[in-house]
Protein backbone atom coordinates (compact mmCIF):
# COMPACT_ATOMS: atom_id res chain seq x y z
CA MET A 1 0.00 0.00 0.00
CA ILE A 2 0.99 3.65 -0.36
CA SER A 3 1.42 4.80 3.20
CA ASP A 4 1.14 8.57 2.90
CA GLN A 5 -2.45 9.73 2.34
CA THR A 6 -1.45 12.53 -0.03
CA ALA A 7 0.67 10.10 -2.03
CA ALA A 8 -2.22 7.63 -2.13
CA GLN A 9 -4.32 10.34 -3.76
CA GLN A 10 -1.66 10.92 -6.40
CA TYR A 11 -0.70 7.36 -7.34
CA GLU A 12 -2.48 4.09 -8.06
CA ILE A 13 -1.40 0.46 -8.25
CA LEU A 14 -2.57 -1.66 -11.18
CA GLU A 15 -2.16 -5.26 -12.28
CA PHE A 16 -2.43 -6.24 -15.93
CA ASP A 17 -2.41 -9.45 -17.87
CA PRO A 18 0.46 -8.43 -20.19
CA LEU A 19 -1.27 -10.15 -23.11
CA ASN A 20 -4.60 -8.38 -22.64
CA ALA A 21 -5.48 -5.90 -25.37
CA THR A 22 -6.45 -3.28 -22.75
CA VAL A 23 -2.85 -2.79 -21.58
CA PRO A 24 -1.78 0.78 -22.49
CA VAL A 25 1.26 -0.26 -24.51
CA ALA A 26 2.29 3.33 -25.33
CA ASP A 27 2.63 4.13 -21.61
CA TRP A 28 4.53 0.88 -21.08
CA ARG A 29 6.91 1.67 -23.96
CA GLN A 30 7.46 5.20 -22.66
CA LEU A 31 8.51 3.93 -19.23
CA ALA A 32 10.80 1.31 -20.79
CA GLY A 33 12.59 4.09 -22.70
CA LEU A 34 12.94 6.31 -19.63
CA SER A 35 13.81 3.71 -16.98
CA ILE A 36 16.81 4.62 -14.82
CA ASP A 37 18.32 1.26 -15.75
CA PRO A 38 17.13 -0.10 -19.10
CA ASN A 39 15.77 -3.63 -19.48
CA PRO A 40 14.64 -4.48 -23.04
CA PHE A 41 13.26 -7.82 -21.83
CA PHE A 42 10.61 -6.17 -19.63
CA GLY A 43 9.33 -3.88 -22.38
CA PRO A 44 6.24 -4.85 -24.40
CA GLU A 45 8.16 -5.71 -27.59
CA PHE A 46 9.94 -8.68 -26.02
CA LEU A 47 7.78 -9.66 -23.05
CA LYS A 48 4.44 -10.00 -24.84
CA PRO A 49 5.57 -12.53 -27.49
CA PHE A 50 7.72 -14.35 -24.94
CA LEU A 51 4.76 -14.92 -22.64
CA GLU A 52 2.40 -15.72 -25.49
CA TYR A 53 4.51 -18.39 -27.17
CA THR A 54 6.25 -19.93 -24.15
CA ASP A 55 3.04 -20.52 -22.20
CA ASN A 56 3.89 -18.37 -19.18
CA ARG A 57 0.34 -17.10 -18.79
CA SER A 58 0.47 -16.77 -14.98
CA VAL A 59 2.78 -13.75 -15.13
CA ARG A 60 1.21 -10.43 -14.12
CA LEU A 61 2.44 -6.94 -14.91
CA VAL A 62 2.47 -4.79 -11.75
CA VAL A 63 2.36 -1.04 -12.36
CA VAL A 64 2.38 2.12 -10.26
CA ARG A 65 1.19 5.20 -12.13
CA GLU A 66 0.16 8.78 -11.47
CA LYS A 67 -3.59 9.19 -11.21
CA GLN A 68 -3.84 12.58 -12.85
CA ASN A 69 -1.84 12.09 -16.05
CA GLN A 70 -1.59 8.27 -15.89
CA HIS A 71 2.18 8.29 -16.42
CA TRP A 72 3.78 4.99 -15.42
CA LEU A 73 6.37 5.31 -12.66
CA ALA A 74 7.25 1.65 -12.04
CA ALA A 75 6.49 -1.66 -13.72
CA ALA A 76 7.69 -5.26 -13.74
CA PRO A 77 6.40 -8.71 -14.75
CA VAL A 78 6.18 -11.03 -11.74
CA GLY A 79 5.11 -14.60 -11.07
CA ARG A 80 5.58 -17.54 -8.69
CA ARG A 81 8.38 -20.03 -9.32
CA ARG A 82 11.38 -21.82 -7.81
CA LEU A 83 14.64 -19.97 -8.29
CA GLY A 84 16.57 -22.57 -6.33
CA ILE A 85 15.72 -26.20 -5.66
CA ALA A 86 12.93 -26.25 -3.12
CA PHE A 87 11.25 -22.92 -2.30
CA PRO A 88 8.82 -21.06 -4.58
CA VAL A 89 8.99 -17.26 -4.41
CA THR A 90 7.44 -14.30 -6.16
CA SER A 91 9.98 -13.13 -8.72
CA THR A 92 10.51 -10.68 -11.53
CA TRP A 93 10.39 -12.73 -14.74
CA ALA A 94 14.05 -13.05 -15.70
CA THR A 95 14.72 -16.29 -17.60
CA GLU A 96 17.41 -18.06 -19.60
CA TYR A 97 16.21 -16.00 -22.59
CA SER A 98 16.28 -12.77 -20.60
CA PRO A 99 18.85 -12.94 -17.76
CA LEU A 100 18.13 -9.47 -16.41
CA GLY A 101 15.66 -8.85 -13.58
CA THR A 102 15.82 -5.06 -13.38
CA PRO A 103 12.36 -3.48 -12.95
CA LEU A 104 11.36 -0.45 -14.99
CA LEU A 105 11.65 2.59 -12.70
CA HIS A 106 11.01 6.17 -13.79
CA PRO A 107 13.77 8.61 -12.75
CA ASP A 108 11.15 10.81 -11.03
CA ALA A 109 9.48 8.00 -9.05
CA PRO A 110 9.48 9.05 -5.36
CA GLN A 111 10.60 6.60 -2.72
CA ASP A 112 7.11 5.94 -1.37
CA VAL A 113 6.15 4.77 -4.87
CA ILE A 114 9.04 2.29 -4.81
CA VAL A 115 7.87 1.01 -1.42
CA ALA A 116 4.31 0.63 -2.71
CA PHE A 117 5.61 -1.10 -5.82
CA LEU A 118 7.48 -3.69 -3.74
CA HIS A 119 4.42 -4.38 -1.57
CA ALA A 120 2.20 -4.70 -4.66
CA MET A 121 4.51 -7.22 -6.30
CA ASN A 122 4.78 -9.25 -3.12
CA GLY A 123 1.07 -9.46 -2.37
CA SER A 124 1.46 -12.64 -0.27
CA ASN A 125 3.93 -10.94 2.09
CA GLY A 126 6.35 -13.80 1.51
CA VAL A 127 9.65 -13.47 -0.33
CA LEU A 128 10.10 -11.27 -3.40
CA ALA A 129 13.11 -11.93 -5.66
CA PHE A 130 14.90 -9.83 -8.26
CA PRO A 131 17.19 -12.33 -10.04
CA TYR A 132 20.06 -11.13 -12.22
CA LEU A 133 19.89 -7.60 -10.81
CA PRO A 134 23.01 -5.51 -11.50
CA SER A 135 24.24 -4.86 -7.99
CA ARG A 136 25.92 -1.52 -8.70
CA SER A 137 22.95 0.09 -10.40
CA ALA A 138 20.63 2.96 -9.54
CA SER A 139 17.71 0.50 -9.51
CA ALA A 140 19.40 -1.72 -6.92
CA ASP A 141 20.11 1.32 -4.75
CA ARG A 142 16.50 2.50 -4.96
CA LEU A 143 15.12 -0.94 -4.11
CA LYS A 144 17.47 -1.45 -1.17
CA SER A 145 16.68 2.00 0.24
CA ALA A 146 12.96 1.27 0.07
CA MET A 147 13.29 -1.83 2.28
CA ALA A 148 16.58 -1.07 4.01
CA GLU A 149 16.38 -3.69 6.75
CA ARG A 150 14.52 -6.40 4.88
CA TYR A 151 16.67 -7.55 2.00
CA ARG A 152 19.46 -10.01 1.29
CA SER A 153 21.78 -10.26 -1.70
CA THR A 154 22.73 -13.74 -2.85
CA ALA A 155 23.71 -15.79 -5.91
CA CYS A 156 26.12 -13.05 -6.99
CA ALA A 157 28.10 -13.56 -10.19
CA THR A 158 30.19 -11.49 -12.56
CA ARG A 159 29.85 -11.48 -16.35
CA ALA A 160 31.57 -9.74 -19.24
CA ALA A 161 30.62 -6.20 -20.18
CA HIS A 162 32.29 -3.11 -21.56
CA ALA A 163 32.24 0.57 -20.76
CA PRO A 164 31.54 3.59 -23.00
CA GLY A 165 33.86 6.44 -23.90
CA GLU A 166 37.55 6.52 -23.08
CA THR A 167 37.30 3.66 -20.60
CA GLY A 168 35.71 1.52 -23.29
CA LYS A 169 38.44 2.45 -25.77
CA GLN A 170 41.08 1.47 -23.23
CA GLN A 171 39.32 -1.85 -22.62
CA LEU A 172 39.23 -2.51 -26.36
CA GLU A 173 42.89 -1.61 -26.74
CA ALA A 174 43.85 -3.93 -23.87
CA ALA A 175 41.82 -6.80 -25.33
CA TYR A 176 42.74 -6.32 -28.98
CA SER A 177 46.43 -5.57 -28.99
CA GLY A 178 49.76 -7.24 -29.52
CA LYS A 179 49.67 -10.93 -30.37
CA ARG A 180 45.86 -11.20 -30.34
CA ARG A 181 45.41 -8.37 -32.86
CA LYS A 182 48.10 -9.79 -35.13
CA GLU A 183 46.61 -13.29 -34.98
CA MET A 184 43.01 -12.21 -35.56
CA ARG A 185 44.02 -10.08 -38.53
CA ARG A 186 45.95 -13.02 -39.93
CA LEU A 187 42.88 -15.24 -39.55
CA LEU A 188 40.70 -12.69 -41.36
CA ARG A 189 43.17 -12.63 -44.24
CA ARG A 190 43.02 -16.43 -44.42
CA LEU A 191 39.23 -16.23 -44.39
CA ASP A 192 39.52 -14.17 -47.58
CA ASP A 193 40.36 -17.42 -49.37
CA PHE A 194 36.64 -18.23 -49.20
CA GLY A 195 35.55 -14.83 -50.52
CA THR A 196 36.14 -11.23 -49.57
CA THR A 197 35.52 -10.78 -45.85
CA ARG A 198 33.29 -7.96 -44.66
CA PHE A 199 31.37 -6.92 -41.58
CA SER A 200 27.86 -5.47 -41.66
CA SER A 201 25.45 -4.09 -39.07
CA LEU A 202 21.72 -4.37 -39.72
CA SER A 203 18.85 -2.47 -38.12
CA GLY A 204 15.18 -1.87 -38.82
CA HIS A 205 13.66 -4.02 -41.57
CA GLU A 206 17.11 -5.27 -42.56
CA ALA A 207 17.54 -6.71 -39.06
CA VAL A 208 14.29 -8.64 -39.41
CA GLN A 209 15.58 -10.18 -42.64
CA GLY A 210 19.02 -10.75 -41.13
CA PHE A 211 17.50 -12.59 -38.19
CA GLU A 212 16.26 -15.33 -40.51
CA SER A 213 19.86 -15.88 -41.61
CA PHE A 214 20.89 -15.94 -37.96
CA LEU A 215 18.27 -18.57 -37.12
CA HIS A 216 19.48 -20.92 -39.84
CA LEU A 217 23.12 -20.34 -38.93
CA GLU A 218 22.42 -21.17 -35.28
CA SER A 219 20.44 -24.30 -36.18
CA LYS A 220 23.40 -25.64 -38.23
CA GLY A 221 25.66 -25.68 -35.18
CA TRP A 222 25.87 -27.49 -31.86
CA LYS A 223 22.70 -25.86 -30.56
CA GLY A 224 20.77 -27.36 -33.45
CA ARG A 225 22.23 -30.79 -32.73
CA ALA A 226 21.42 -30.40 -29.01
CA GLY A 227 17.87 -29.23 -29.73
CA THR A 228 18.41 -25.84 -28.04
CA ALA A 229 18.55 -23.59 -31.12
CA LEU A 230 15.70 -21.12 -31.48
CA LEU A 231 14.46 -23.03 -34.55
CA SER A 232 14.44 -26.34 -32.66
CA ILE A 233 11.03 -25.61 -31.11
CA PRO A 234 8.31 -23.93 -33.22
CA GLU A 235 7.01 -21.85 -30.29
CA THR A 236 10.48 -20.56 -29.48
CA ALA A 237 11.11 -19.61 -33.08
CA ALA A 238 7.76 -17.80 -33.25
CA PHE A 239 8.46 -15.84 -30.07
CA ALA A 240 11.94 -14.85 -31.23
CA ARG A 241 10.75 -13.72 -34.66
CA ALA A 242 7.97 -11.63 -33.14
CA ALA A 243 10.31 -10.10 -30.56
CA ILE A 244 12.87 -9.15 -33.21
CA ALA A 245 10.19 -7.61 -35.45
CA ASN A 246 8.82 -5.65 -32.49
CA ARG A 247 12.24 -4.44 -31.39
CA ALA A 248 13.13 -3.48 -34.94
CA ALA A 249 10.01 -1.30 -35.14
CA VAL A 250 11.31 0.84 -32.24
CA ASN A 251 14.92 0.82 -33.47
CA GLY A 252 15.85 -1.50 -30.61
CA VAL A 253 17.75 -4.32 -32.34
CA ARG A 254 21.00 -4.60 -34.28
CA ILE A 255 22.45 -7.66 -35.99
CA ASP A 256 26.19 -7.65 -36.66
CA GLN A 257 27.42 -10.06 -39.32
CA LEU A 258 30.73 -11.41 -40.62
CA TRP A 259 30.71 -12.60 -44.25
CA ALA A 260 33.22 -14.45 -46.41
CA GLY A 261 31.99 -13.77 -49.92
CA ASN A 262 28.36 -14.96 -49.95
CA THR A 263 28.75 -17.12 -46.84
CA LEU A 264 27.52 -15.89 -43.47
CA VAL A 265 30.29 -16.90 -41.06
CA ALA A 266 29.09 -15.32 -37.81
CA ALA A 267 26.21 -13.22 -36.48
CA LEU A 268 25.47 -11.46 -33.22
CA VAL A 269 22.02 -10.20 -32.18
CA LEU A 270 22.05 -7.17 -29.90
CA PHE A 271 19.27 -5.20 -28.22
CA ALA A 272 19.54 -1.46 -27.57
CA GLU A 273 17.59 0.35 -24.88
CA GLY A 274 18.14 3.63 -23.07
CA GLY A 275 21.70 4.04 -24.36
CA ALA A 276 22.76 0.52 -23.31
CA VAL A 277 23.44 -2.49 -25.55
CA PHE A 278 22.70 -6.10 -24.63
CA SER A 279 24.30 -8.97 -26.54
CA TRP A 280 21.44 -11.47 -26.86
CA LYS A 281 22.41 -14.32 -29.20
CA ILE A 282 25.53 -15.35 -31.13
CA ALA A 283 26.06 -18.01 -33.80
CA PHE A 284 28.83 -18.97 -36.19
CA ASP A 285 29.52 -21.49 -38.92
CA GLU A 286 31.53 -24.28 -37.31
CA GLU A 287 33.25 -25.07 -40.61
CA PHE A 288 35.09 -21.77 -40.14
CA GLY A 289 35.82 -22.33 -36.46
CA ARG A 290 39.60 -22.19 -36.97
CA TYR A 291 39.25 -18.51 -37.94
CA SER A 292 37.79 -17.47 -34.54
CA PRO A 293 34.50 -16.17 -35.99
CA GLY A 294 32.90 -15.65 -32.57
CA ALA A 295 35.80 -13.53 -31.35
CA GLN A 296 35.89 -11.60 -34.65
CA ILE A 297 32.21 -10.62 -34.42
CA ALA A 298 32.51 -9.77 -30.70
CA VAL A 299 35.36 -7.33 -31.38
CA HIS A 300 33.42 -5.81 -34.29
CA ALA A 301 30.37 -5.32 -32.04
CA PHE A 302 32.58 -3.67 -29.40
CA ARG A 303 33.79 -1.15 -31.97
CA GLU A 304 30.28 -0.50 -33.27
CA ASN A 305 28.97 0.06 -29.73
CA LEU A 306 31.60 2.70 -29.03
CA LYS A 307 30.45 4.63 -32.11
CA LEU A 308 26.86 4.96 -30.87
CA THR A 309 25.62 8.41 -29.86
CA GLY A 310 24.74 8.46 -26.17
CA PHE A 311 26.18 4.98 -25.57
CA LYS A 312 26.26 4.11 -21.84
CA GLY A 313 27.71 0.60 -21.78
CA ALA A 314 27.22 -2.99 -22.96
CA ASP A 315 26.18 -6.16 -21.14
CA SER A 316 27.25 -9.46 -22.71
CA LEU A 317 24.49 -11.41 -20.86
CA ALA A 318 27.01 -14.27 -21.00
CA ILE A 319 27.54 -16.89 -18.31
CA PRO A 320 30.32 -16.04 -15.85
CA GLY A 321 33.70 -17.26 -17.05
CA HIS A 322 32.69 -17.41 -20.71
CA THR A 323 35.94 -18.36 -22.42
CA MET A 324 35.34 -16.44 -25.65
CA ILE A 325 33.81 -13.15 -24.53
CA GLU A 326 35.59 -12.44 -21.24
CA PRO A 327 39.07 -11.93 -22.72
CA LEU A 328 37.57 -9.51 -25.27
CA TRP A 329 34.99 -7.52 -23.30
CA ARG A 330 37.20 -6.57 -20.36
CA GLY A 331 34.57 -4.75 -18.28
CA ARG A 332 32.71 -6.70 -15.62
CA LEU A 333 29.09 -6.53 -14.47
CA GLU A 334 28.14 -8.03 -11.12
CA THR A 335 24.60 -9.32 -10.76
CA CYS A 336 22.92 -10.70 -7.65
CA THR A 337 19.55 -12.05 -6.68
CA LEU A 338 17.98 -9.51 -4.34
CA LEU A 339 15.55 -11.07 -1.86
CA PHE A 340 12.98 -9.01 0.08
CA SER A 341 11.09 -10.33 3.09
CA GLY A 342 7.49 -9.28 3.62
CA GLY A 343 5.41 -10.73 6.47
CA ALA A 344 6.16 -11.72 10.05
CA PHE A 345 7.81 -15.05 9.21
CA SER A 346 9.22 -14.14 5.83
CA ALA A 347 12.62 -13.13 7.23
CA GLN A 348 13.19 -16.77 8.16
CA LEU A 349 11.84 -17.88 4.78
CA CYS A 350 14.13 -15.37 3.12
CA ALA A 351 17.10 -16.98 4.86
CA LEU A 352 15.97 -20.42 3.69
CA CYS A 353 15.56 -19.16 0.13
CA GLN A 354 19.06 -17.71 0.25
CA ALA A 355 20.47 -21.07 1.36
CA ASP A 356 18.41 -22.79 -1.34
CA LEU A 357 19.75 -20.50 -4.06
CA GLU A 358 23.34 -20.85 -2.87
CA LEU A 359 23.02 -24.64 -2.93
CA GLU A 360 21.62 -24.51 -6.47
CA GLN A 361 24.55 -22.29 -7.53
CA ARG A 362 27.08 -24.72 -6.05
CA LEU A 363 25.43 -27.62 -7.88
CA ARG A 364 25.56 -25.69 -11.15
CA ARG A 365 29.26 -24.99 -10.69
CA LEU A 366 29.87 -28.65 -9.91
CA MET A 367 28.02 -29.73 -13.07
CA ARG A 368 30.09 -27.30 -15.21
CA GLN A 369 33.30 -28.70 -13.70
CA LEU A 370 32.19 -32.27 -14.40
CA LYS A 371 31.35 -31.40 -18.01
CA LYS A 372 34.80 -29.87 -18.49
CA ARG A 373 36.44 -33.00 -17.10
CA VAL A 374 34.39 -35.22 -19.39
CA LYS A 375 35.31 -33.12 -22.44
CA SER A 376 39.00 -33.13 -21.51
């Protein structure tokens, strides 16, 4: 609830079915573009097709807006699920397709609105989770301040990123210098044997067309053989195509490509929102694996990001320790799962959920180590 009576007269809390036609999408889009920390996965272009085609119909969109002009001040998709092994919690809807749990918060949202937003999301007064929340972000600071004595940070991890401006240029120079630069340029020259090499960056309608090439490239590789490529499941392919078309319509997607003559060698799909860039999906032709196509396209994307007007930074969205991207994108982004306790006994439940998540993280690390041993 909104505690202050005057504030309660100014703001209202709403819950929407994100797929319902009555949702004011223009207001939703406006907040997504203004959010203090951008999250393209919680905007309507991505979230609506994701929920529609992946059968996540229990997710609700919680919104706080001004009564007078109906401007949205806070919004996030939430639902019940297990983040660890045993305990279900209410959580923002970050998934393997969207590993970013940052809510959409307007820069002018007062603190009592943030408090009301947290209570509205956690209607059961149990535990509320924000998985994959960048820990050094304005959103994390606002959320922690709203419930200063009732949160825990857990399941922290660090993934590759890169900075804008001079810091970004220094990171690129450190990553792409000396022996690595010489070797990658040599490999590009060798790739010329299959046709003149060139990089391209697609946006708008061209990105929609380029995504079809990406889908087929991905399905040719190990993900296709494992059944995890986007084309492997019709519903997943439909969601991805709709999301790309939607993002392209708001100038929110870019596809970087590496070609050798008429052969697409590598492609990287990136989302842009609020000055930030998010590297969503990468694929390359395994027949050209000896030429480091993944590294080549990652360096190209780094350069293209630094050219963007108003660029604020890039998130790789990659798993921690990713062997290809981490040596190239030298910045680091720490994410944690932020847990909030609600009712009288939820502090104890919050502690149990923290232990549950930490156990699940340890098991994941153990499984990765076992896979490495098996491969070696």
